[in-house]
């Protein structure tokens, strides 16, 4: 398992569009991905779970990837999150 902590930078937080982008990219990998936020763990391949987590701008999350292509998956997650999901 590999993991990394991130601070959500885009002004609208992890709302519908970035959640959709994130899930679309994460489902291209065979590894599992979880997002830890506010004491909860949510499935990073589930748009509904991500939306239900209510992750706002400035929130600190941890992305954990586990499986055969875990590092490539974490690298892609980093690219998306640190790039503000292409919004800001």
N, C-alpha and C. Protein backbone atom coordinates (compact mmCIF):
# COMPACT_ATOMS: atom_id res chain seq x y z
N UNK A 1 0.84 -1.18 0.00
CA UNK A 1 0.00 0.00 0.00
C UNK A 1 0.88 1.24 0.00
N UNK A 2 0.45 2.24 -0.76
CA UNK A 2 1.11 3.54 -0.78
C UNK A 2 0.05 4.59 -0.44
N UNK A 3 0.50 5.67 0.18
CA UNK A 3 -0.46 6.72 0.54
C UNK A 3 0.22 8.08 0.52
N UNK A 4 -0.61 9.11 0.44
CA UNK A 4 -0.09 10.47 0.44
C UNK A 4 -1.18 11.40 0.97
N UNK A 5 -0.76 12.41 1.71
CA UNK A 5 -1.67 13.40 2.25
C UNK A 5 -1.74 14.60 1.31
N UNK A 6 -2.94 15.13 1.14
CA UNK A 6 -3.17 16.28 0.25
C UNK A 6 -4.05 17.30 0.94
N UNK A 7 -3.90 18.55 0.53
CA UNK A 7 -4.84 19.60 0.92
C UNK A 7 -5.61 19.98 -0.34
N UNK A 8 -6.92 19.94 -0.26
CA UNK A 8 -7.75 20.27 -1.42
C UNK A 8 -7.64 21.77 -1.68
N UNK A 9 -7.22 22.12 -2.89
CA UNK A 9 -6.93 23.51 -3.24
C UNK A 9 -8.04 24.19 -4.03
N UNK A 10 -8.77 23.44 -4.85
CA UNK A 10 -9.74 24.13 -5.70
C UNK A 10 -10.87 24.72 -4.86
N UNK A 11 -11.31 25.91 -5.24
CA UNK A 11 -12.21 26.71 -4.41
C UNK A 11 -13.55 26.04 -4.11
N UNK A 12 -14.02 25.20 -4.97
CA UNK A 12 -15.32 24.54 -4.75
C UNK A 12 -15.17 23.20 -4.03
N UNK A 13 -13.96 22.80 -3.73
CA UNK A 13 -13.75 21.52 -3.05
C UNK A 13 -13.91 20.34 -3.98
N UNK A 14 -14.15 19.19 -3.38
CA UNK A 14 -14.26 17.92 -4.11
C UNK A 14 -15.73 17.71 -4.47
N UNK A 15 -16.28 18.62 -5.30
CA UNK A 15 -17.70 18.57 -5.67
C UNK A 15 -17.91 17.62 -6.85
N UNK A 16 -19.05 17.67 -7.49
CA UNK A 16 -19.46 16.69 -8.50
C UNK A 16 -18.47 16.55 -9.66
N UNK A 17 -18.07 17.65 -10.27
CA UNK A 17 -17.19 17.54 -11.44
C UNK A 17 -15.84 16.93 -11.10
N UNK A 18 -15.13 17.43 -10.08
CA UNK A 18 -13.85 16.80 -9.76
C UNK A 18 -14.00 15.36 -9.27
N UNK A 19 -15.09 15.08 -8.57
CA UNK A 19 -15.33 13.69 -8.13
C UNK A 19 -15.50 12.79 -9.34
N UNK A 20 -16.21 13.26 -10.35
CA UNK A 20 -16.41 12.49 -11.57
C UNK A 20 -15.08 12.27 -12.30
N UNK A 21 -14.27 13.32 -12.40
CA UNK A 21 -12.96 13.21 -13.04
C UNK A 21 -12.09 12.21 -12.28
N UNK A 22 -12.08 12.32 -10.96
CA UNK A 22 -11.27 11.44 -10.12
C UNK A 22 -11.69 9.98 -10.29
N UNK A 23 -12.98 9.71 -10.17
CA UNK A 23 -13.48 8.34 -10.30
C UNK A 23 -13.20 7.79 -11.69
N UNK A 24 -13.42 8.60 -12.71
CA UNK A 24 -13.16 8.14 -14.10
C UNK A 24 -11.71 7.72 -14.28
N UNK A 25 -10.79 8.48 -13.71
CA UNK A 25 -9.37 8.14 -13.82
C UNK A 25 -8.99 6.95 -12.94
N UNK A 26 -9.52 6.88 -11.74
CA UNK A 26 -9.16 5.81 -10.81
C UNK A 26 -9.68 4.44 -11.28
N UNK A 27 -10.80 4.42 -11.98
CA UNK A 27 -11.35 3.14 -12.45
C UNK A 27 -10.53 2.55 -13.60
N UNK A 28 -9.58 3.31 -14.12
CA UNK A 28 -8.69 2.78 -15.16
C UNK A 28 -7.61 1.87 -14.56
N UNK A 29 -7.49 1.88 -13.24
CA UNK A 29 -6.49 1.08 -12.53
C UNK A 29 -7.14 -0.12 -11.87
N UNK A 30 -6.37 -1.20 -11.68
CA UNK A 30 -6.90 -2.39 -11.02
C UNK A 30 -6.80 -2.29 -9.50
N UNK A 31 -5.93 -1.44 -9.00
CA UNK A 31 -5.75 -1.29 -7.56
C UNK A 31 -6.99 -0.68 -6.91
N UNK A 32 -7.06 -0.83 -5.60
CA UNK A 32 -8.12 -0.21 -4.81
C UNK A 32 -7.63 1.16 -4.36
N UNK A 33 -8.56 2.09 -4.22
CA UNK A 33 -8.21 3.43 -3.74
C UNK A 33 -9.22 3.86 -2.69
N UNK A 34 -8.70 4.36 -1.58
CA UNK A 34 -9.54 4.88 -0.51
C UNK A 34 -9.11 6.29 -0.18
N UNK A 35 -10.09 7.09 0.22
CA UNK A 35 -9.83 8.46 0.65
C UNK A 35 -10.19 8.53 2.13
N UNK A 36 -9.23 8.96 2.94
CA UNK A 36 -9.48 9.12 4.37
C UNK A 36 -9.67 10.60 4.64
N UNK A 37 -10.80 10.91 5.28
CA UNK A 37 -11.13 12.30 5.58
C UNK A 37 -12.04 12.35 6.79
N UNK A 38 -11.71 13.19 7.72
CA UNK A 38 -12.55 13.46 8.88
C UNK A 38 -12.94 12.17 9.63
N UNK A 39 -11.96 11.27 9.77
CA UNK A 39 -12.18 10.04 10.51
C UNK A 39 -12.92 8.95 9.75
N UNK A 40 -13.22 9.20 8.49
CA UNK A 40 -13.93 8.22 7.66
C UNK A 40 -13.04 7.76 6.52
N UNK A 41 -13.33 6.56 6.02
CA UNK A 41 -12.66 6.04 4.84
C UNK A 41 -13.71 5.81 3.78
N UNK A 42 -13.51 6.41 2.60
CA UNK A 42 -14.47 6.26 1.51
C UNK A 42 -13.79 5.64 0.29
N UNK A 43 -14.57 4.90 -0.46
CA UNK A 43 -14.10 4.25 -1.69
C UNK A 43 -13.85 5.33 -2.74
N UNK A 44 -12.61 5.43 -3.21
CA UNK A 44 -12.25 6.43 -4.20
C UNK A 44 -12.70 6.12 -5.60
N UNK A 45 -13.37 4.99 -5.78
CA UNK A 45 -13.94 4.66 -7.09
C UNK A 45 -15.45 4.82 -7.09
N UNK A 46 -15.99 5.44 -6.04
CA UNK A 46 -17.44 5.64 -5.92
C UNK A 46 -17.75 7.13 -5.83
N UNK A 47 -18.35 7.66 -6.89
CA UNK A 47 -18.68 9.09 -6.91
C UNK A 47 -19.63 9.45 -5.78
N UNK A 48 -20.57 8.58 -5.47
CA UNK A 48 -21.53 8.86 -4.40
C UNK A 48 -20.84 8.94 -3.04
N UNK A 49 -19.89 8.03 -2.79
CA UNK A 49 -19.17 8.06 -1.52
C UNK A 49 -18.32 9.32 -1.38
N UNK A 50 -17.68 9.72 -2.47
CA UNK A 50 -16.87 10.94 -2.44
C UNK A 50 -17.75 12.15 -2.18
N UNK A 51 -18.88 12.24 -2.87
CA UNK A 51 -19.80 13.36 -2.69
C UNK A 51 -20.33 13.40 -1.25
N UNK A 52 -20.64 12.24 -0.70
CA UNK A 52 -21.18 12.16 0.66
C UNK A 52 -20.17 12.59 1.72
N UNK A 53 -18.89 12.53 1.40
CA UNK A 53 -17.85 12.91 2.35
C UNK A 53 -17.78 14.43 2.58
N UNK A 54 -18.35 15.22 1.66
CA UNK A 54 -18.39 16.69 1.79
C UNK A 54 -17.00 17.28 2.00
N UNK A 55 -16.08 16.98 1.09
CA UNK A 55 -14.70 17.46 1.19
C UNK A 55 -14.61 18.86 0.59
N UNK A 56 -14.34 19.84 1.42
CA UNK A 56 -14.32 21.25 1.02
C UNK A 56 -12.90 21.74 0.72
N UNK A 57 -12.81 22.93 0.17
CA UNK A 57 -11.53 23.58 -0.06
C UNK A 57 -10.80 23.73 1.28
N UNK A 58 -9.52 23.39 1.30
CA UNK A 58 -8.73 23.46 2.51
C UNK A 58 -8.73 22.19 3.34
N UNK A 59 -9.60 21.24 2.97
CA UNK A 59 -9.65 19.97 3.69
C UNK A 59 -8.38 19.17 3.44
N UNK A 60 -7.93 18.46 4.46
CA UNK A 60 -6.76 17.59 4.34
C UNK A 60 -7.28 16.15 4.23
N UNK A 61 -6.87 15.48 3.16
CA UNK A 61 -7.28 14.10 2.93
C UNK A 61 -6.04 13.23 2.75
N UNK A 62 -6.20 11.94 2.93
CA UNK A 62 -5.15 10.98 2.63
C UNK A 62 -5.69 10.02 1.60
N UNK A 63 -4.96 9.85 0.52
CA UNK A 63 -5.33 8.89 -0.52
C UNK A 63 -4.45 7.66 -0.34
N UNK A 64 -5.09 6.51 -0.23
CA UNK A 64 -4.37 5.24 -0.08
C UNK A 64 -4.69 4.35 -1.27
N UNK A 65 -3.66 3.82 -1.90
CA UNK A 65 -3.81 2.92 -3.04
C UNK A 65 -3.16 1.58 -2.70
N UNK A 66 -3.83 0.51 -3.07
CA UNK A 66 -3.32 -0.82 -2.76
C UNK A 66 -3.61 -1.77 -3.91
N UNK A 67 -2.55 -2.39 -4.45
CA UNK A 67 -2.72 -3.34 -5.54
C UNK A 67 -1.54 -3.32 -6.50
N UNK A 68 -1.73 -4.01 -7.61
CA UNK A 68 -0.65 -4.22 -8.58
C UNK A 68 -0.10 -2.92 -9.18
N UNK A 69 -0.96 -1.94 -9.41
CA UNK A 69 -0.52 -0.68 -10.03
C UNK A 69 -0.71 0.51 -9.07
N UNK A 70 -0.50 0.24 -7.78
CA UNK A 70 -0.77 1.24 -6.74
C UNK A 70 0.02 2.53 -6.91
N UNK A 71 1.30 2.44 -7.27
CA UNK A 71 2.11 3.66 -7.39
C UNK A 71 1.65 4.51 -8.57
N UNK A 72 1.36 3.89 -9.68
CA UNK A 72 0.86 4.64 -10.85
C UNK A 72 -0.48 5.30 -10.52
N UNK A 73 -1.30 4.59 -9.77
CA UNK A 73 -2.60 5.13 -9.36
C UNK A 73 -2.42 6.34 -8.45
N UNK A 74 -1.53 6.24 -7.47
CA UNK A 74 -1.28 7.35 -6.57
C UNK A 74 -0.68 8.54 -7.31
N UNK A 75 0.19 8.27 -8.27
CA UNK A 75 0.77 9.34 -9.08
C UNK A 75 -0.32 10.09 -9.84
N UNK A 76 -1.29 9.37 -10.41
CA UNK A 76 -2.39 10.00 -11.14
C UNK A 76 -3.28 10.79 -10.19
N UNK A 77 -3.56 10.21 -9.01
CA UNK A 77 -4.36 10.92 -8.01
C UNK A 77 -3.67 12.23 -7.62
N UNK A 78 -2.35 12.18 -7.43
CA UNK A 78 -1.57 13.37 -7.08
C UNK A 78 -1.68 14.43 -8.16
N UNK A 79 -1.55 14.00 -9.39
CA UNK A 79 -1.64 14.92 -10.53
C UNK A 79 -2.99 15.63 -10.53
N UNK A 80 -4.05 14.88 -10.33
CA UNK A 80 -5.40 15.45 -10.35
C UNK A 80 -5.63 16.41 -9.19
N UNK A 81 -5.31 15.95 -7.99
CA UNK A 81 -5.60 16.75 -6.79
C UNK A 81 -4.72 18.00 -6.74
N UNK A 82 -3.42 17.83 -6.96
CA UNK A 82 -2.52 18.97 -6.90
C UNK A 82 -2.76 19.96 -8.04
N UNK A 83 -3.33 19.48 -9.13
CA UNK A 83 -3.68 20.36 -10.24
C UNK A 83 -5.06 21.00 -10.09
N UNK A 84 -5.69 20.81 -8.94
CA UNK A 84 -7.00 21.41 -8.70
C UNK A 84 -8.07 20.86 -9.61
N UNK A 85 -7.86 19.64 -10.10
CA UNK A 85 -8.80 18.97 -11.00
C UNK A 85 -9.05 19.79 -12.27
N UNK A 86 -8.07 20.64 -12.61
CA UNK A 86 -8.18 21.45 -13.81
C UNK A 86 -9.12 22.63 -13.69
N UNK A 87 -9.51 22.97 -12.45
CA UNK A 87 -10.47 24.06 -12.25
C UNK A 87 -9.83 25.38 -11.90
N UNK A 88 -8.79 25.38 -11.10
CA UNK A 88 -8.20 26.64 -10.65
C UNK A 88 -6.79 26.80 -11.17
